[in-house]
Amino acid sequence: MKRYILATGISSALLLSACSGPSTEEQLDSVLKETFEAESDYRDTQSEMEKLEAAEQEKFESIMALTQEQQEDVRANAEEALASVEQRLELLETEKASMDSAEEAFQEIDTVIEETEDEELKSDLTALKTKMHERFDAHEQFVTAYEELAAEQKELYEMLSNEETELQVLQEKTVTVNDKNKEVQNAVTAFNEQTEQFNEMKNNLIEKMNADNE
């Protein structure tokens, strides 16, 4: 399958000009840094997933180029492709755990909101919280779509390794895989958009807070 890279993640450059004491700026800075660090495993999995998917796509194309008389080669390649899917699903589990940790870390923003006396700032922080939760929801939707795609791919590879599988059945399964692939693409696009929107909102808020402190 073609790899659709997720956005790198929330940006880490905060550079808040905080005043003395546990200010709102310092509290927000701490929450965002902890959230960014919690997403480290998520960021690390992206390049590994890309490599596996690229190699798996080549493997699939090799399988399709083989003839029925080369069934042993087809079976060997299909088994390698199946192993690749399992590796990708393991990486996906690491990615999910990382995002879960990030979501837990980000919950500390509730304390920041509660302790903020400035009503306008409280409103901005609440909007930032909402956007981040939309981002986490978008990632969950991506994970669901990706798991469904992987399941369809595994079935396709198992069909390919069975020399009795009819061509029409393979074609129908390929269409299903392609449709699921589009769902993953849409989920990735949605997640990337949410990430970009969060980063923009966060950066604007930081600029506003720093300007107020000058």
N, C-alpha and C. Protein backbone atom coordinates (compact mmCIF):
# COMPACT_ATOMS: atom_id res chain seq x y z
N MET A 1 0.83 -1.19 0.00
CA MET A 1 0.00 0.00 0.00
C MET A 1 0.87 1.25 0.00
N LYS A 2 0.31 2.31 -0.50
CA LYS A 2 1.02 3.57 -0.45
C LYS A 2 0.99 4.12 0.96
N ARG A 3 2.11 4.65 1.43
CA ARG A 3 2.18 5.16 2.78
C ARG A 3 1.75 6.62 2.83
N TYR A 4 0.84 6.90 3.73
CA TYR A 4 0.39 8.27 3.92
C TYR A 4 0.89 8.73 5.28
N ILE A 5 1.92 9.57 5.27
CA ILE A 5 2.57 9.97 6.51
C ILE A 5 1.69 10.91 7.33
N LEU A 6 1.61 10.62 8.61
CA LEU A 6 0.94 11.52 9.52
C LEU A 6 1.81 12.74 9.74
N ALA A 7 1.20 13.83 10.12
CA ALA A 7 1.98 15.03 10.45
C ALA A 7 2.95 14.70 11.57
N THR A 8 4.09 15.38 11.60
CA THR A 8 5.10 15.09 12.61
C THR A 8 4.53 15.15 14.02
N GLY A 9 3.63 16.05 14.26
CA GLY A 9 3.02 16.16 15.58
C GLY A 9 2.97 17.60 16.02
N ILE A 10 2.63 17.80 17.27
CA ILE A 10 2.57 19.16 17.76
C ILE A 10 3.98 19.73 17.81
N SER A 11 4.11 21.00 17.48
CA SER A 11 5.43 21.63 17.48
C SER A 11 5.88 21.89 18.90
N SER A 12 7.19 21.84 19.12
CA SER A 12 7.71 21.91 20.47
C SER A 12 8.23 23.29 20.86
N ALA A 13 8.40 24.19 19.89
CA ALA A 13 8.97 25.51 20.19
C ALA A 13 7.94 26.37 20.91
N LEU A 14 8.18 26.61 22.17
CA LEU A 14 7.22 27.37 22.97
C LEU A 14 7.72 28.78 23.24
N LEU A 15 8.90 28.89 23.84
CA LEU A 15 9.56 30.18 24.05
C LEU A 15 8.65 31.20 24.73
N LEU A 16 8.07 30.78 25.85
CA LEU A 16 7.21 31.69 26.60
C LEU A 16 8.04 32.62 27.48
N SER A 17 7.71 33.87 27.47
CA SER A 17 8.40 34.83 28.34
C SER A 17 7.62 34.94 29.63
N ALA A 18 7.77 33.95 30.49
CA ALA A 18 6.96 33.86 31.70
C ALA A 18 7.45 34.82 32.77
N CYS A 19 6.51 35.26 33.58
CA CYS A 19 6.85 36.10 34.72
C CYS A 19 7.29 35.20 35.87
N SER A 20 7.67 35.80 36.99
CA SER A 20 8.09 34.99 38.14
C SER A 20 6.87 34.30 38.73
N GLY A 21 7.11 33.15 39.39
CA GLY A 21 6.02 32.42 39.98
C GLY A 21 5.37 31.46 38.99
N PRO A 22 4.49 30.58 39.47
CA PRO A 22 3.83 29.59 38.61
C PRO A 22 2.75 30.25 37.75
N SER A 23 3.17 31.01 36.76
CA SER A 23 2.23 31.73 35.91
C SER A 23 1.51 30.79 34.96
N THR A 24 0.45 31.30 34.33
CA THR A 24 -0.28 30.53 33.34
C THR A 24 0.65 30.12 32.21
N GLU A 25 1.55 31.05 31.83
CA GLU A 25 2.50 30.75 30.75
C GLU A 25 3.36 29.55 31.09
N GLU A 26 3.89 29.54 32.31
CA GLU A 26 4.76 28.43 32.72
C GLU A 26 3.98 27.13 32.83
N GLN A 27 2.76 27.19 33.31
CA GLN A 27 1.93 25.99 33.42
C GLN A 27 1.62 25.41 32.05
N LEU A 28 1.25 26.28 31.11
CA LEU A 28 0.95 25.83 29.76
C LEU A 28 2.21 25.27 29.10
N ASP A 29 3.31 25.94 29.32
CA ASP A 29 4.59 25.49 28.78
C ASP A 29 4.89 24.07 29.24
N SER A 30 4.66 23.80 30.52
CA SER A 30 4.93 22.48 31.08
C SER A 30 4.01 21.42 30.48
N VAL A 31 2.73 21.74 30.36
CA VAL A 31 1.76 20.78 29.80
C VAL A 31 2.10 20.43 28.36
N LEU A 32 2.43 21.45 27.57
CA LEU A 32 2.73 21.21 26.16
C LEU A 32 4.02 20.43 25.98
N LYS A 33 5.01 20.71 26.80
CA LYS A 33 6.28 19.98 26.71
C LYS A 33 6.08 18.51 27.08
N GLU A 34 5.33 18.26 28.14
CA GLU A 34 5.08 16.87 28.55
C GLU A 34 4.29 16.12 27.49
N THR A 35 3.35 16.82 26.87
CA THR A 35 2.56 16.20 25.81
C THR A 35 3.45 15.88 24.61
N PHE A 36 4.31 16.82 24.24
CA PHE A 36 5.23 16.62 23.12
C PHE A 36 6.16 15.44 23.39
N GLU A 37 6.70 15.35 24.60
CA GLU A 37 7.60 14.24 24.95
C GLU A 37 6.87 12.91 24.93
N ALA A 38 5.60 12.92 25.36
CA ALA A 38 4.82 11.67 25.38
C ALA A 38 4.57 11.14 23.97
N GLU A 39 4.62 12.02 22.99
CA GLU A 39 4.38 11.61 21.60
C GLU A 39 5.67 11.17 20.89
N SER A 40 6.75 11.04 21.61
CA SER A 40 8.04 10.71 20.98
C SER A 40 7.99 9.36 20.26
N ASP A 41 7.38 8.34 20.90
CA ASP A 41 7.30 7.02 20.26
C ASP A 41 6.43 7.09 19.00
N TYR A 42 5.38 7.90 19.06
CA TYR A 42 4.53 8.08 17.87
C TYR A 42 5.35 8.64 16.72
N ARG A 43 6.17 9.64 17.01
CA ARG A 43 6.99 10.25 15.95
C ARG A 43 8.02 9.25 15.43
N ASP A 44 8.59 8.45 16.33
CA ASP A 44 9.62 7.49 15.94
C ASP A 44 9.09 6.39 15.02
N THR A 45 7.82 6.02 15.19
CA THR A 45 7.28 4.91 14.39
C THR A 45 7.05 5.30 12.93
N GLN A 46 6.94 6.60 12.65
CA GLN A 46 6.54 7.03 11.30
C GLN A 46 7.51 6.55 10.22
N SER A 47 8.82 6.73 10.43
CA SER A 47 9.79 6.32 9.40
C SER A 47 9.84 4.81 9.26
N GLU A 48 9.68 4.08 10.37
CA GLU A 48 9.69 2.62 10.31
C GLU A 48 8.48 2.10 9.55
N MET A 49 7.34 2.71 9.80
CA MET A 49 6.12 2.32 9.08
C MET A 49 6.27 2.58 7.58
N GLU A 50 6.86 3.71 7.26
CA GLU A 50 7.04 4.06 5.85
C GLU A 50 7.92 3.03 5.14
N LYS A 51 9.01 2.63 5.77
CA LYS A 51 9.92 1.65 5.18
C LYS A 51 9.22 0.31 4.97
N LEU A 52 8.48 -0.13 5.97
CA LEU A 52 7.78 -1.41 5.86
C LEU A 52 6.75 -1.38 4.75
N GLU A 53 6.01 -0.29 4.66
CA GLU A 53 4.96 -0.19 3.66
C GLU A 53 5.53 -0.12 2.24
N ALA A 54 6.65 0.59 2.09
CA ALA A 54 7.29 0.68 0.78
C ALA A 54 7.78 -0.70 0.33
N ALA A 55 8.43 -1.42 1.24
CA ALA A 55 8.94 -2.76 0.93
C ALA A 55 7.78 -3.72 0.65
N GLU A 56 6.70 -3.56 1.41
CA GLU A 56 5.55 -4.44 1.22
C GLU A 56 4.87 -4.18 -0.12
N GLN A 57 4.83 -2.95 -0.54
CA GLN A 57 4.24 -2.61 -1.84
C GLN A 57 5.05 -3.26 -2.96
N GLU A 58 6.37 -3.19 -2.83
CA GLU A 58 7.24 -3.84 -3.84
C GLU A 58 7.01 -5.35 -3.85
N LYS A 59 6.85 -5.91 -2.65
CA LYS A 59 6.61 -7.35 -2.54
C LYS A 59 5.29 -7.72 -3.24
N PHE A 60 4.27 -6.92 -3.03
CA PHE A 60 2.97 -7.17 -3.64
C PHE A 60 3.07 -7.10 -5.16
N GLU A 61 3.78 -6.09 -5.66
CA GLU A 61 3.93 -5.95 -7.10
C GLU A 61 4.70 -7.14 -7.68
N SER A 62 5.67 -7.65 -6.93
CA SER A 62 6.42 -8.83 -7.37
C SER A 62 5.52 -10.05 -7.46
N ILE A 63 4.64 -10.19 -6.48
CA ILE A 63 3.70 -11.31 -6.46
C ILE A 63 2.80 -11.28 -7.70
N MET A 64 2.29 -10.09 -8.01
CA MET A 64 1.36 -9.95 -9.12
C MET A 64 2.05 -10.19 -10.47
N ALA A 65 3.37 -10.04 -10.49
CA ALA A 65 4.10 -10.25 -11.74
C ALA A 65 4.44 -11.73 -11.97
N LEU A 66 4.29 -12.54 -10.93
CA LEU A 66 4.60 -13.96 -11.04
C LEU A 66 3.47 -14.72 -11.73
N THR A 67 3.81 -15.81 -12.36
CA THR A 67 2.81 -16.64 -13.04
C THR A 67 2.34 -17.78 -12.13
N GLN A 68 1.30 -18.46 -12.57
CA GLN A 68 0.76 -19.56 -11.78
C GLN A 68 1.79 -20.68 -11.60
N GLU A 69 2.69 -20.80 -12.57
CA GLU A 69 3.72 -21.83 -12.49
C GLU A 69 4.77 -21.50 -11.43
N GLN A 70 4.76 -20.29 -10.95
CA GLN A 70 5.74 -19.87 -9.93
C GLN A 70 5.07 -19.76 -8.56
N GLN A 71 4.16 -20.69 -8.28
CA GLN A 71 3.35 -20.62 -7.07
C GLN A 71 4.19 -20.66 -5.80
N GLU A 72 5.29 -21.39 -5.83
CA GLU A 72 6.15 -21.44 -4.64
C GLU A 72 6.72 -20.07 -4.32
N ASP A 73 7.10 -19.33 -5.36
CA ASP A 73 7.61 -17.97 -5.16
C ASP A 73 6.50 -17.05 -4.68
N VAL A 74 5.31 -17.25 -5.23
CA VAL A 74 4.15 -16.45 -4.82
C VAL A 74 3.89 -16.67 -3.33
N ARG A 75 3.89 -17.93 -2.92
CA ARG A 75 3.62 -18.26 -1.52
C ARG A 75 4.67 -17.67 -0.60
N ALA A 76 5.92 -17.75 -1.00
CA ALA A 76 7.01 -17.22 -0.17
C ALA A 76 6.89 -15.71 -0.01
N ASN A 77 6.60 -15.03 -1.10
CA ASN A 77 6.44 -13.58 -1.05
C ASN A 77 5.22 -13.17 -0.24
N ALA A 78 4.15 -13.94 -0.37
CA ALA A 78 2.93 -13.64 0.37
C ALA A 78 3.15 -13.80 1.86
N GLU A 79 3.91 -14.82 2.25
CA GLU A 79 4.22 -15.03 3.66
C GLU A 79 5.05 -13.87 4.22
N GLU A 80 5.98 -13.36 3.41
CA GLU A 80 6.78 -12.22 3.84
C GLU A 80 5.90 -10.97 3.97
N ALA A 81 4.95 -10.83 3.07
CA ALA A 81 4.04 -9.69 3.14
C ALA A 81 3.16 -9.78 4.38
N LEU A 82 2.72 -10.99 4.71
CA LEU A 82 1.93 -11.18 5.92
C LEU A 82 2.72 -10.82 7.17
N ALA A 83 3.99 -11.20 7.18
CA ALA A 83 4.85 -10.86 8.31
C ALA A 83 5.02 -9.36 8.43
N SER A 84 5.07 -8.69 7.29
CA SER A 84 5.21 -7.24 7.27
C SER A 84 3.98 -6.57 7.88
N VAL A 85 2.81 -7.10 7.57
CA VAL A 85 1.58 -6.55 8.14
C VAL A 85 1.61 -6.65 9.66
N GLU A 86 2.05 -7.80 10.15
CA GLU A 86 2.13 -8.00 11.60
C GLU A 86 3.10 -7.00 12.24
N GLN A 87 4.22 -6.75 11.56
CA GLN A 87 5.18 -5.76 12.07
C GLN A 87 4.56 -4.37 12.12
N ARG A 88 3.81 -4.04 11.08
CA ARG A 88 3.17 -2.72 11.04
C ARG A 88 2.13 -2.57 12.15
N LEU A 89 1.41 -3.64 12.41
CA LEU A 89 0.40 -3.58 13.47
C LEU A 89 1.06 -3.43 14.84
N GLU A 90 2.22 -4.03 15.01
CA GLU A 90 2.96 -3.85 16.27
C GLU A 90 3.40 -2.40 16.43
N LEU A 91 3.87 -1.80 15.34
CA LEU A 91 4.26 -0.39 15.39
C LEU A 91 3.05 0.49 15.67
N LEU A 92 1.91 0.10 15.10
CA LEU A 92 0.69 0.85 15.33
C LEU A 92 0.31 0.83 16.81
N GLU A 93 0.51 -0.32 17.46
CA GLU A 93 0.22 -0.43 18.89
C GLU A 93 1.13 0.52 19.68
N THR A 94 2.40 0.61 19.28
CA THR A 94 3.32 1.54 19.93
C THR A 94 2.86 2.97 19.73
N GLU A 95 2.41 3.26 18.52
CA GLU A 95 1.91 4.59 18.20
C GLU A 95 0.68 4.93 19.04
N LYS A 96 -0.23 3.97 19.15
CA LYS A 96 -1.45 4.19 19.94
C LYS A 96 -1.12 4.45 21.40
N ALA A 97 -0.20 3.66 21.95
CA ALA A 97 0.19 3.83 23.35
C ALA A 97 0.81 5.20 23.58
N SER A 98 1.61 5.65 22.63
CA SER A 98 2.24 6.96 22.73
C SER A 98 1.20 8.07 22.74
N MET A 99 0.22 7.96 21.85
CA MET A 99 -0.83 8.98 21.78
C MET A 99 -1.71 8.95 23.03
N ASP A 100 -1.93 7.76 23.58
CA ASP A 100 -2.71 7.65 24.82
C ASP A 100 -1.97 8.36 25.96
N SER A 101 -0.65 8.18 26.01
CA SER A 101 0.15 8.84 27.04
C SER A 101 0.11 10.36 26.86
N ALA A 102 0.14 10.79 25.61
CA ALA A 102 0.08 12.23 25.33
C ALA A 102 -1.26 12.80 25.74
N GLU A 103 -2.33 12.05 25.48
CA GLU A 103 -3.66 12.53 25.86
C GLU A 103 -3.77 12.65 27.38
N GLU A 104 -3.18 11.68 28.08
CA GLU A 104 -3.18 11.73 29.54
C GLU A 104 -2.39 12.93 30.05
N ALA A 105 -1.24 13.17 29.44
CA ALA A 105 -0.41 14.31 29.85
C ALA A 105 -1.12 15.63 29.60
N PHE A 106 -1.86 15.70 28.50
CA PHE A 106 -2.53 16.94 28.12
C PHE A 106 -3.70 17.27 29.05
N GLN A 107 -4.19 16.28 29.79
CA GLN A 107 -5.29 16.52 30.71
C GLN A 107 -4.94 17.57 31.77
N GLU A 108 -3.64 17.78 31.99
CA GLU A 108 -3.21 18.77 32.97
C GLU A 108 -3.61 20.19 32.57
N ILE A 109 -4.03 20.35 31.31
CA ILE A 109 -4.46 21.68 30.90
C ILE A 109 -5.72 22.10 31.65
N ASP A 110 -6.47 21.12 32.18
CA ASP A 110 -7.65 21.46 32.97
C ASP A 110 -7.28 22.28 34.20
N THR A 111 -6.15 21.92 34.81
CA THR A 111 -5.68 22.67 35.98
C THR A 111 -5.29 24.08 35.58
N VAL A 112 -4.63 24.20 34.43
CA VAL A 112 -4.23 25.53 33.94
C VAL A 112 -5.46 26.40 33.73
N ILE A 113 -6.49 25.82 33.12
CA ILE A 113 -7.72 26.56 32.85
C ILE A 113 -8.40 26.99 34.15
N GLU A 114 -8.48 26.06 35.09
CA GLU A 114 -9.14 26.34 36.36
C GLU A 114 -8.45 27.46 37.14
N GLU A 115 -7.11 27.51 37.07
CA GLU A 115 -6.36 28.47 37.87
C GLU A 115 -6.13 29.79 37.15
N THR A 116 -6.61 29.89 35.92
CA THR A 116 -6.48 31.14 35.16
C THR A 116 -7.60 32.09 35.53
N GLU A 117 -7.25 33.28 35.96
CA GLU A 117 -8.25 34.26 36.37
C GLU A 117 -8.74 35.11 35.20
N ASP A 118 -7.88 35.31 34.20
CA ASP A 118 -8.25 36.11 33.03
C ASP A 118 -9.28 35.34 32.20
N GLU A 119 -10.48 35.88 32.07
CA GLU A 119 -11.56 35.18 31.38
C GLU A 119 -11.28 34.99 29.89
N GLU A 120 -10.66 35.98 29.26
CA GLU A 120 -10.35 35.86 27.83
C GLU A 120 -9.32 34.75 27.61
N LEU A 121 -8.32 34.71 28.49
CA LEU A 121 -7.28 33.68 28.40
C LEU A 121 -7.88 32.31 28.70
N LYS A 122 -8.79 32.26 29.65
CA LYS A 122 -9.45 31.00 29.99
C LYS A 122 -10.21 30.46 28.77
N SER A 123 -10.85 31.37 28.05
CA SER A 123 -11.59 30.99 26.84
C SER A 123 -10.65 30.47 25.76
N ASP A 124 -9.51 31.13 25.59
CA ASP A 124 -8.52 30.71 24.59
C ASP A 124 -7.95 29.33 24.94
N LEU A 125 -7.69 29.12 26.21
CA LEU A 125 -7.14 27.83 26.65
C LEU A 125 -8.16 26.71 26.47
N THR A 126 -9.42 27.02 26.71
CA THR A 126 -10.48 26.03 26.52
C THR A 126 -10.61 25.65 25.05
N ALA A 127 -10.48 26.64 24.17
CA ALA A 127 -10.53 26.38 22.73
C ALA A 127 -9.35 25.51 22.31
N LEU A 128 -8.19 25.76 22.90
CA LEU A 128 -7.00 24.96 22.59
C LEU A 128 -7.20 23.52 23.04
N LYS A 129 -7.80 23.35 24.21
CA LYS A 129 -8.10 22.02 24.73
C LYS A 129 -9.04 21.28 23.78
N THR A 130 -10.07 21.97 23.32
CA THR A 130 -11.05 21.36 22.41
C THR A 130 -10.39 20.91 21.12
N LYS A 131 -9.52 21.76 20.58
CA LYS A 131 -8.84 21.42 19.33
C LYS A 131 -7.94 20.20 19.50
N MET A 132 -7.24 20.12 20.63
CA MET A 132 -6.37 18.97 20.86
C MET A 132 -7.18 17.69 20.98
N HIS A 133 -8.33 17.75 21.62
CA HIS A 133 -9.17 16.55 21.73
C HIS A 133 -9.72 16.14 20.36
N GLU A 134 -9.99 17.11 19.51
CA GLU A 134 -10.40 16.79 18.14
C GLU A 134 -9.27 16.08 17.41
N ARG A 135 -8.04 16.50 17.70
CA ARG A 135 -6.86 15.86 17.09
C ARG A 135 -6.72 14.42 17.58
N PHE A 136 -6.88 14.20 18.88
CA PHE A 136 -6.80 12.84 19.42
C PHE A 136 -7.90 11.96 18.83
N ASP A 137 -9.10 12.52 18.69
CA ASP A 137 -10.22 11.76 18.09
C ASP A 137 -9.89 11.39 16.64
N ALA A 138 -9.28 12.32 15.92
CA ALA A 138 -8.91 12.07 14.52
C ALA A 138 -7.88 10.94 14.43
N HIS A 139 -6.97 10.88 15.40
CA HIS A 139 -5.97 9.81 15.39
C HIS A 139 -6.63 8.47 15.67
N GLU A 140 -7.60 8.44 16.56
CA GLU A 140 -8.31 7.19 16.84
C GLU A 140 -9.04 6.69 15.59
N GLN A 141 -9.59 7.61 14.82
CA GLN A 141 -10.27 7.24 13.58
C GLN A 141 -9.27 6.69 12.56
N PHE A 142 -8.07 7.28 12.55
CA PHE A 142 -7.02 6.77 11.67
C PHE A 142 -6.65 5.34 12.07
N VAL A 143 -6.46 5.12 13.36
CA VAL A 143 -6.08 3.79 13.84
C VAL A 143 -7.12 2.74 13.44
N THR A 144 -8.39 3.07 13.61
CA THR A 144 -9.47 2.15 13.24
C THR A 144 -9.41 1.82 11.75
N ALA A 145 -9.26 2.85 10.92
CA ALA A 145 -9.20 2.64 9.47
C ALA A 145 -7.97 1.81 9.10
N TYR A 146 -6.85 2.08 9.76
CA TYR A 146 -5.61 1.37 9.45
C TYR A 146 -5.72 -0.10 9.83
N GLU A 147 -6.32 -0.38 10.98
CA GLU A 147 -6.49 -1.77 11.41
C GLU A 147 -7.40 -2.53 10.45
N GLU A 148 -8.45 -1.87 9.99
CA GLU A 148 -9.36 -2.50 9.03
C GLU A 148 -8.65 -2.78 7.71
N LEU A 149 -7.82 -1.83 7.28
CA LEU A 149 -7.05 -2.03 6.05
C LEU A 149 -6.09 -3.20 6.20
N ALA A 150 -5.39 -3.26 7.32
CA ALA A 150 -4.43 -4.34 7.56
C ALA A 150 -5.12 -5.70 7.54
N ALA A 151 -6.32 -5.77 8.09
CA ALA A 151 -7.06 -7.03 8.10
C ALA A 151 -7.40 -7.47 6.68
N GLU A 152 -7.80 -6.53 5.85
CA GLU A 152 -8.13 -6.84 4.45
C GLU A 152 -6.87 -7.26 3.69
N GLN A 153 -5.76 -6.59 3.97
CA GLN A 153 -4.50 -6.94 3.30
C GLN A 153 -4.05 -8.35 3.67
N LYS A 154 -4.21 -8.71 4.94
CA LYS A 154 -3.84 -10.05 5.36
C LYS A 154 -4.67 -11.10 4.63
N GLU A 155 -5.94 -10.83 4.48
CA GLU A 155 -6.80 -11.77 3.75
C GLU A 155 -6.37 -11.89 2.29
N LEU A 156 -5.99 -10.75 1.71
CA LEU A 156 -5.54 -10.76 0.32
C LEU A 156 -4.27 -11.59 0.16
N TYR A 157 -3.31 -11.41 1.06
CA TYR A 157 -2.05 -12.16 0.98
C TYR A 157 -2.29 -13.65 1.19
N GLU A 158 -3.22 -13.99 2.07
CA GLU A 158 -3.54 -15.40 2.30
C GLU A 158 -4.20 -16.00 1.06
N MET A 159 -5.03 -15.22 0.38
CA MET A 159 -5.65 -15.68 -0.88
C MET A 159 -4.59 -15.92 -1.95
N LEU A 160 -3.62 -15.01 -2.00
CA LEU A 160 -2.57 -15.12 -3.01
C LEU A 160 -1.72 -16.37 -2.81
N SER A 161 -1.53 -16.75 -1.55
CA SER A 161 -0.71 -17.93 -1.26
C SER A 161 -1.44 -19.24 -1.56
N ASN A 162 -2.75 -19.14 -1.76
CA ASN A 162 -3.56 -20.33 -2.08
C ASN A 162 -3.77 -20.39 -3.59
N GLU A 163 -3.16 -21.37 -4.23
CA GLU A 163 -3.21 -21.45 -5.69
C GLU A 163 -4.62 -21.75 -6.22
N GLU A 164 -5.53 -22.14 -5.35
CA GLU A 164 -6.89 -22.44 -5.79
C GLU A 164 -7.81 -21.21 -5.75
N THR A 165 -7.29 -20.09 -5.27
CA THR A 165 -8.10 -18.88 -5.23
C THR A 165 -8.40 -18.40 -6.64
N GLU A 166 -9.67 -18.16 -6.92
CA GLU A 166 -10.07 -17.72 -8.26
C GLU A 166 -9.69 -16.27 -8.51
N LEU A 167 -9.41 -15.95 -9.75
CA LEU A 167 -8.98 -14.60 -10.14
C LEU A 167 -10.04 -13.56 -9.77
N GLN A 168 -11.30 -13.88 -9.99
CA GLN A 168 -12.36 -12.92 -9.68
C GLN A 168 -12.40 -12.58 -8.20
N VAL A 169 -12.16 -13.58 -7.36
CA VAL A 169 -12.14 -13.36 -5.91
C VAL A 169 -10.99 -12.44 -5.54
N LEU A 170 -9.83 -12.66 -6.17
CA LEU A 170 -8.67 -11.80 -5.91
C LEU A 170 -8.95 -10.36 -6.34
N GLN A 171 -9.59 -10.22 -7.48
CA GLN A 171 -9.89 -8.89 -7.98
C GLN A 171 -10.85 -8.15 -7.05
N GLU A 172 -11.85 -8.88 -6.56
CA GLU A 172 -12.81 -8.27 -5.64
C GLU A 172 -12.14 -7.85 -4.34
N LYS A 173 -11.23 -8.70 -3.83
CA LYS A 173 -10.52 -8.36 -2.60
C LYS A 173 -9.60 -7.17 -2.81
N THR A 174 -9.00 -7.10 -3.98
CA THR A 174 -8.12 -5.96 -4.29
C THR A 174 -8.89 -4.65 -4.30
N VAL A 175 -10.10 -4.69 -4.83
CA VAL A 175 -10.96 -3.50 -4.82
C VAL A 175 -11.28 -3.09 -3.38
N THR A 176 -11.57 -4.08 -2.55
CA THR A 176 -11.86 -3.80 -1.14
C THR A 176 -10.66 -3.16 -0.45
N VAL A 177 -9.47 -3.69 -0.72
CA VAL A 177 -8.24 -3.13 -0.14
C VAL A 177 -8.04 -1.69 -0.59
N ASN A 178 -8.26 -1.45 -1.86
CA ASN A 178 -8.10 -0.09 -2.40
C ASN A 178 -9.09 0.89 -1.75
N ASP A 179 -10.31 0.42 -1.53
CA ASP A 179 -11.32 1.26 -0.89
C ASP A 179 -10.91 1.59 0.55
N LYS A 180 -10.40 0.58 1.26
CA LYS A 180 -9.95 0.80 2.63
C LYS A 180 -8.75 1.74 2.66
N ASN A 181 -7.92 1.62 1.62
CA ASN A 181 -6.76 2.48 1.52
C ASN A 181 -7.18 3.94 1.42
N LYS A 182 -8.26 4.19 0.69
CA LYS A 182 -8.77 5.55 0.57
C LYS A 182 -9.29 6.08 1.90
N GLU A 183 -9.90 5.18 2.69
CA GLU A 183 -10.38 5.57 4.01
C GLU A 183 -9.21 5.98 4.91
N VAL A 184 -8.11 5.24 4.80
CA VAL A 184 -6.91 5.59 5.58
C VAL A 184 -6.38 6.94 5.13
N GLN A 185 -6.37 7.17 3.83
CA GLN A 185 -5.92 8.45 3.29
C GLN A 185 -6.74 9.60 3.87
N ASN A 186 -8.06 9.42 3.88
CA ASN A 186 -8.94 10.46 4.40
C ASN A 186 -8.70 10.70 5.89
N ALA A 187 -8.47 9.62 6.63
CA ALA A 187 -8.22 9.72 8.07
C ALA A 187 -6.90 10.44 8.34
N VAL A 188 -5.89 10.15 7.53
CA VAL A 188 -4.59 10.81 7.69
C VAL A 188 -4.72 12.30 7.39
N THR A 189 -5.44 12.62 6.32
CA THR A 189 -5.64 14.02 5.96
C THR A 189 -6.34 14.78 7.09
N ALA A 190 -7.36 14.16 7.67
CA ALA A 190 -8.10 14.79 8.77
C ALA A 190 -7.19 15.01 9.98
N PHE A 191 -6.38 14.01 10.30
CA PHE A 191 -5.48 14.14 11.45
C PHE A 191 -4.44 15.23 11.21
N ASN A 192 -3.86 15.25 10.01
CA ASN A 192 -2.87 16.27 9.70
C ASN A 192 -3.47 17.68 9.79
N GLU A 193 -4.69 17.82 9.33
CA GLU A 193 -5.35 19.13 9.39
C GLU A 193 -5.56 19.56 10.84
N GLN A 194 -5.99 18.61 11.68
CA GLN A 194 -6.19 18.93 13.09
C GLN A 194 -4.88 19.31 13.76
N THR A 195 -3.80 18.62 13.40
CA THR A 195 -2.49 18.92 13.97
C THR A 195 -2.03 20.32 13.57
N GLU A 196 -2.19 20.63 12.29
CA GLU A 196 -1.79 21.95 11.80
C GLU A 196 -2.61 23.05 12.47
N GLN A 197 -3.89 22.81 12.63
CA GLN A 197 -4.77 23.80 13.27
C GLN A 197 -4.40 23.99 14.74
N PHE A 198 -4.07 22.89 15.40
CA PHE A 198 -3.66 23.00 16.80
C PHE A 198 -2.38 23.81 16.93
N ASN A 199 -1.39 23.49 16.09
CA ASN A 199 -0.13 24.21 16.15
C ASN A 199 -0.31 25.71 15.90
N GLU A 200 -1.15 26.03 14.93
CA GLU A 200 -1.40 27.44 14.63
C GLU A 200 -2.10 28.13 15.80
N MET A 201 -3.09 27.47 16.37
CA MET A 201 -3.81 28.03 17.51
C MET A 201 -2.87 28.20 18.71
N LYS A 202 -2.04 27.20 18.94
CA LYS A 202 -1.09 27.25 20.06
C LYS A 202 -0.09 28.38 19.88
N ASN A 203 0.45 28.52 18.67
CA ASN A 203 1.43 29.56 18.40
C ASN A 203 0.82 30.96 18.55
N ASN A 204 -0.41 31.12 18.07
CA ASN A 204 -1.08 32.42 18.19
C ASN A 204 -1.33 32.76 19.66
N LEU A 205 -1.69 31.76 20.44
CA LEU A 205 -1.95 31.99 21.86
C LEU A 205 -0.67 32.40 22.58
N ILE A 206 0.44 31.72 22.24
CA ILE A 206 1.72 32.03 22.88
C ILE A 206 2.14 33.47 22.54
N GLU A 207 1.99 33.84 21.27
CA GLU A 207 2.33 35.20 20.87
C GLU A 207 1.49 36.23 21.64
N LYS A 208 0.23 35.91 21.79
CA LYS A 208 -0.68 36.81 22.50
C LYS A 208 -0.28 36.92 23.98
N MET A 209 0.05 35.79 24.58
CA MET A 209 0.44 35.80 25.99
C MET A 209 1.75 36.53 26.21
N ASN A 210 2.69 36.35 25.29
CA ASN A 210 3.98 37.02 25.40
C ASN A 210 3.81 38.54 25.20
N ALA A 211 2.92 38.91 24.29
CA ALA A 211 2.68 40.34 24.05
C ALA A 211 2.09 40.99 25.29
N ASP A 212 1.22 40.27 25.97
CA ASP A 212 0.58 40.80 27.19
C ASP A 212 1.59 40.98 28.32
N ASN A 213 2.69 40.22 28.27
CA ASN A 213 3.69 40.30 29.33
C ASN A 213 4.74 41.35 29.09
N GLU A 214 4.74 41.91 27.88
CA GLU A 214 5.76 42.92 27.56
C GLU A 214 5.44 44.27 28.20
